[in-house]
Amino acid sequence: MAHADWIIDLGPGAGHDGGRITFEGTAAELIADGSTLTGKHLTEYVGN
C-alpha cells in the first residue's frame, strides 16, 4: 500500500458495517489524513 499510486479505502468496518468509501487518494494523502484505521496503520508502517 505504501507504494501504491492510488488507494481507495472502504469501511468503516467489515461485512454489513463496511462498503462506504472512507478515503480516496495517494498513500501520502492517506497518511496525512490519518482519520481511517488503514491510515493509522500505514502511518505506523512507514514510521511517521
N, C-alpha and C. Protein backbone atom coordinates (compact mmCIF):
# COMPACT_ATOMS: atom_id res chain seq x y z
N MET A 1 0.81 -1.17 0.00
CA MET A 1 0.00 0.00 0.00
C MET A 1 0.86 1.25 0.00
N ALA A 2 1.96 1.24 0.71
CA ALA A 2 2.83 2.41 0.81
C ALA A 2 3.37 2.83 -0.55
N HIS A 3 3.41 1.91 -1.51
CA HIS A 3 3.95 2.20 -2.83
C HIS A 3 2.88 2.31 -3.90
N ALA A 4 1.62 2.26 -3.51
CA ALA A 4 0.52 2.32 -4.46
C ALA A 4 0.40 3.73 -5.06
N ASP A 5 -0.05 3.78 -6.31
CA ASP A 5 -0.30 5.06 -6.95
C ASP A 5 -1.58 5.71 -6.42
N TRP A 6 -2.58 4.89 -6.11
CA TRP A 6 -3.88 5.41 -5.68
C TRP A 6 -4.51 4.40 -4.73
N ILE A 7 -5.10 4.86 -3.65
CA ILE A 7 -5.73 3.98 -2.66
C ILE A 7 -7.19 4.35 -2.52
N ILE A 8 -8.04 3.33 -2.52
CA ILE A 8 -9.45 3.51 -2.21
C ILE A 8 -9.70 2.66 -0.97
N ASP A 9 -9.99 3.32 0.13
CA ASP A 9 -10.18 2.65 1.42
C ASP A 9 -11.68 2.51 1.67
N LEU A 10 -12.13 1.28 1.85
CA LEU A 10 -13.53 1.01 2.12
C LEU A 10 -13.73 0.72 3.59
N GLY A 11 -14.87 1.08 4.11
CA GLY A 11 -15.10 0.81 5.52
C GLY A 11 -16.43 1.38 5.96
N PRO A 12 -16.56 1.74 7.17
CA PRO A 12 -15.52 1.81 8.19
C PRO A 12 -15.20 0.47 8.84
N GLY A 13 -16.03 -0.56 8.62
CA GLY A 13 -15.77 -1.88 9.19
C GLY A 13 -15.90 -2.93 8.10
N ALA A 14 -16.10 -4.15 8.54
CA ALA A 14 -16.24 -5.26 7.60
C ALA A 14 -17.71 -5.70 7.50
N GLY A 15 -18.01 -6.46 6.46
CA GLY A 15 -19.35 -7.00 6.30
C GLY A 15 -20.40 -5.93 6.19
N HIS A 16 -21.44 -6.04 7.00
CA HIS A 16 -22.55 -5.09 6.97
C HIS A 16 -22.14 -3.70 7.43
N ASP A 17 -21.03 -3.60 8.16
CA ASP A 17 -20.56 -2.31 8.66
C ASP A 17 -19.68 -1.57 7.66
N GLY A 18 -19.38 -2.19 6.53
CA GLY A 18 -18.48 -1.59 5.55
C GLY A 18 -19.16 -1.22 4.26
N GLY A 19 -18.33 -1.02 3.25
CA GLY A 19 -18.85 -0.77 1.93
C GLY A 19 -18.88 0.69 1.50
N ARG A 20 -18.58 1.61 2.40
CA ARG A 20 -18.52 3.03 2.04
C ARG A 20 -17.06 3.39 1.72
N ILE A 21 -16.87 4.31 0.80
CA ILE A 21 -15.53 4.83 0.54
C ILE A 21 -15.20 5.81 1.66
N THR A 22 -14.20 5.46 2.46
CA THR A 22 -13.81 6.32 3.58
C THR A 22 -12.64 7.22 3.21
N PHE A 23 -11.90 6.85 2.15
CA PHE A 23 -10.78 7.66 1.68
C PHE A 23 -10.47 7.27 0.25
N GLU A 24 -10.04 8.27 -0.53
CA GLU A 24 -9.56 8.04 -1.89
C GLU A 24 -8.45 9.02 -2.17
N GLY A 25 -7.27 8.51 -2.52
CA GLY A 25 -6.14 9.38 -2.80
C GLY A 25 -4.82 8.63 -2.77
N THR A 26 -3.73 9.37 -2.66
CA THR A 26 -2.40 8.76 -2.62
C THR A 26 -2.07 8.27 -1.21
N ALA A 27 -1.04 7.46 -1.12
CA ALA A 27 -0.60 6.97 0.19
C ALA A 27 -0.18 8.13 1.09
N ALA A 28 0.50 9.12 0.52
CA ALA A 28 0.92 10.28 1.30
C ALA A 28 -0.28 11.05 1.84
N GLU A 29 -1.33 11.17 1.03
CA GLU A 29 -2.54 11.86 1.48
C GLU A 29 -3.25 11.06 2.57
N LEU A 30 -3.24 9.73 2.44
CA LEU A 30 -3.86 8.88 3.46
C LEU A 30 -3.13 9.01 4.79
N ILE A 31 -1.80 9.06 4.74
CA ILE A 31 -1.01 9.23 5.96
C ILE A 31 -1.28 10.60 6.57
N ALA A 32 -1.34 11.62 5.76
CA ALA A 32 -1.60 12.98 6.26
C ALA A 32 -3.00 13.09 6.84
N ASP A 33 -3.96 12.40 6.24
CA ASP A 33 -5.35 12.45 6.72
C ASP A 33 -5.45 11.75 8.07
N GLY A 34 -5.00 10.51 8.13
CA GLY A 34 -4.94 9.76 9.38
C GLY A 34 -6.27 9.50 10.08
N SER A 35 -7.39 9.72 9.40
CA SER A 35 -8.68 9.55 10.08
C SER A 35 -9.23 8.12 9.99
N THR A 36 -8.66 7.30 9.12
CA THR A 36 -9.15 5.92 8.99
C THR A 36 -8.19 4.96 9.69
N LEU A 37 -8.69 3.79 10.00
CA LEU A 37 -7.85 2.76 10.61
C LEU A 37 -6.70 2.39 9.68
N THR A 38 -6.98 2.30 8.40
CA THR A 38 -5.94 2.00 7.42
C THR A 38 -4.87 3.08 7.43
N GLY A 39 -5.28 4.34 7.48
CA GLY A 39 -4.33 5.45 7.53
C GLY A 39 -3.45 5.41 8.76
N LYS A 40 -4.03 5.06 9.88
CA LYS A 40 -3.26 4.97 11.13
C LYS A 40 -2.22 3.86 11.04
N HIS A 41 -2.61 2.71 10.51
CA HIS A 41 -1.68 1.59 10.39
C HIS A 41 -0.60 1.87 9.34
N LEU A 42 -0.97 2.52 8.25
CA LEU A 42 0.02 2.86 7.22
C LEU A 42 1.03 3.86 7.78
N THR A 43 0.59 4.80 8.59
CA THR A 43 1.47 5.77 9.22
C THR A 43 2.50 5.05 10.10
N GLU A 44 2.03 4.08 10.89
CA GLU A 44 2.97 3.31 11.72
C GLU A 44 3.93 2.51 10.87
N TYR A 45 3.44 1.94 9.78
CA TYR A 45 4.28 1.11 8.90
C TYR A 45 5.42 1.91 8.29
N VAL A 46 5.14 3.12 7.84
CA VAL A 46 6.19 3.92 7.20
C VAL A 46 7.03 4.67 8.22
N GLY A 47 6.64 4.63 9.48
CA GLY A 47 7.46 5.20 10.55
C GLY A 47 7.28 6.69 10.76
N ASN A 48 6.09 7.21 10.51
CA ASN A 48 5.82 8.64 10.77
C ASN A 48 5.25 8.83 12.13
